[in-house]
Amino acid sequence: MTQRRVDKERIERADRESKLTIEAERLARNAKTARLREQRLSAEASAGEPGHAKRRRPSKQARKIVEID
């Protein structure tokens, strides 16, 4: 029985390309995380200023219960 021929160069090239892709995805994910962190921190800082506080909605009055005998 003959052994299957393995293209080692092709496997190595695919391995290099996949590592490059994974590295690029990791860098993009880290950049997005840093950008979102900066946005969150700036939003928290601006929310701490007076005048930008959230207002509560007035609660609806409870309905009166009328009992009929």
Protein backbone atom coordinates (compact mmCIF):
# COMPACT_ATOMS: atom_id res chain seq x y z
CA MET A 1 0.00 0.00 0.00
CA THR A 2 1.34 3.43 -0.92
CA GLN A 3 1.48 6.23 1.55
CA ARG A 4 -0.46 9.42 0.89
CA ARG A 5 1.69 12.31 -0.23
CA VAL A 6 1.63 15.29 2.15
CA ASP A 7 2.29 18.79 0.89
CA LYS A 8 4.17 20.16 3.88
CA GLU A 9 4.73 23.58 2.30
CA ARG A 10 1.01 23.99 1.76
CA ILE A 11 0.25 23.03 5.36
CA GLU A 12 2.92 25.41 6.70
CA ARG A 13 1.62 28.24 4.49
CA ALA A 14 -1.95 27.66 5.69
CA ASP A 15 -0.71 27.61 9.29
CA ARG A 16 1.11 30.93 8.83
CA GLU A 17 -1.92 32.54 7.21
CA SER A 18 -4.25 31.35 9.96
CA LYS A 19 -1.90 32.69 12.64
CA LEU A 20 -1.77 36.06 10.88
CA THR A 21 -5.57 36.16 10.67
CA ILE A 22 -5.97 35.25 14.34
CA GLU A 23 -3.45 37.93 15.33
CA ALA A 24 -5.25 40.57 13.23
CA GLU A 25 -8.60 39.63 14.80
CA ARG A 26 -7.08 39.84 18.29
CA LEU A 27 -5.67 43.30 17.60
CA ALA A 28 -9.01 44.50 16.22
CA ARG A 29 -10.85 43.10 19.27
CA ASN A 30 -8.42 44.79 21.67
CA ALA A 31 -8.76 48.11 19.84
CA LYS A 32 -12.55 47.90 19.99
CA THR A 33 -12.43 47.07 23.70
CA ALA A 34 -10.19 50.07 24.39
CA ARG A 35 -12.44 52.37 22.34
CA LEU A 36 -15.58 51.21 24.14
CA ARG A 37 -13.85 51.56 27.52
CA GLU A 38 -12.93 55.16 26.68
CA GLN A 39 -16.52 55.90 25.61
CA ARG A 40 -17.89 54.39 28.83
CA LEU A 41 -15.47 56.34 31.02
CA SER A 42 -16.23 59.61 29.27
CA ALA A 43 -19.98 58.94 29.57
CA GLU A 44 -19.60 58.21 33.28
CA ALA A 45 -17.58 61.40 33.75
CA SER A 46 -20.19 63.52 31.98
CA ALA A 47 -23.02 61.83 33.88
CA GLY A 48 -21.41 62.90 37.13
CA GLU A 49 -21.83 66.57 36.20
CA PRO A 50 -24.92 68.33 37.60
CA GLY A 51 -27.71 68.98 35.15
CA HIS A 52 -27.23 65.73 33.29
CA ALA A 53 -28.81 63.50 35.91
CA LYS A 54 -31.59 61.21 34.80
CA ARG A 55 -35.04 62.21 35.94
CA ARG A 56 -37.46 59.70 37.30
CA ARG A 57 -40.80 59.41 35.64
CA PRO A 58 -43.69 60.30 37.91
CA SER A 59 -45.48 57.20 39.07
CA LYS A 60 -49.03 56.68 37.94
CA GLN A 61 -51.64 57.08 40.64
CA ALA A 62 -53.17 53.88 41.88
CA ARG A 63 -56.75 53.31 40.83
CA LYS A 64 -59.36 53.60 43.50
CA ILE A 65 -61.15 50.41 44.33
CA VAL A 66 -64.86 50.88 44.76
CA GLU A 67 -66.73 48.05 46.38
CA ILE A 68 -70.36 47.61 45.39
CA ASP A 69 -72.66 45.79 47.83
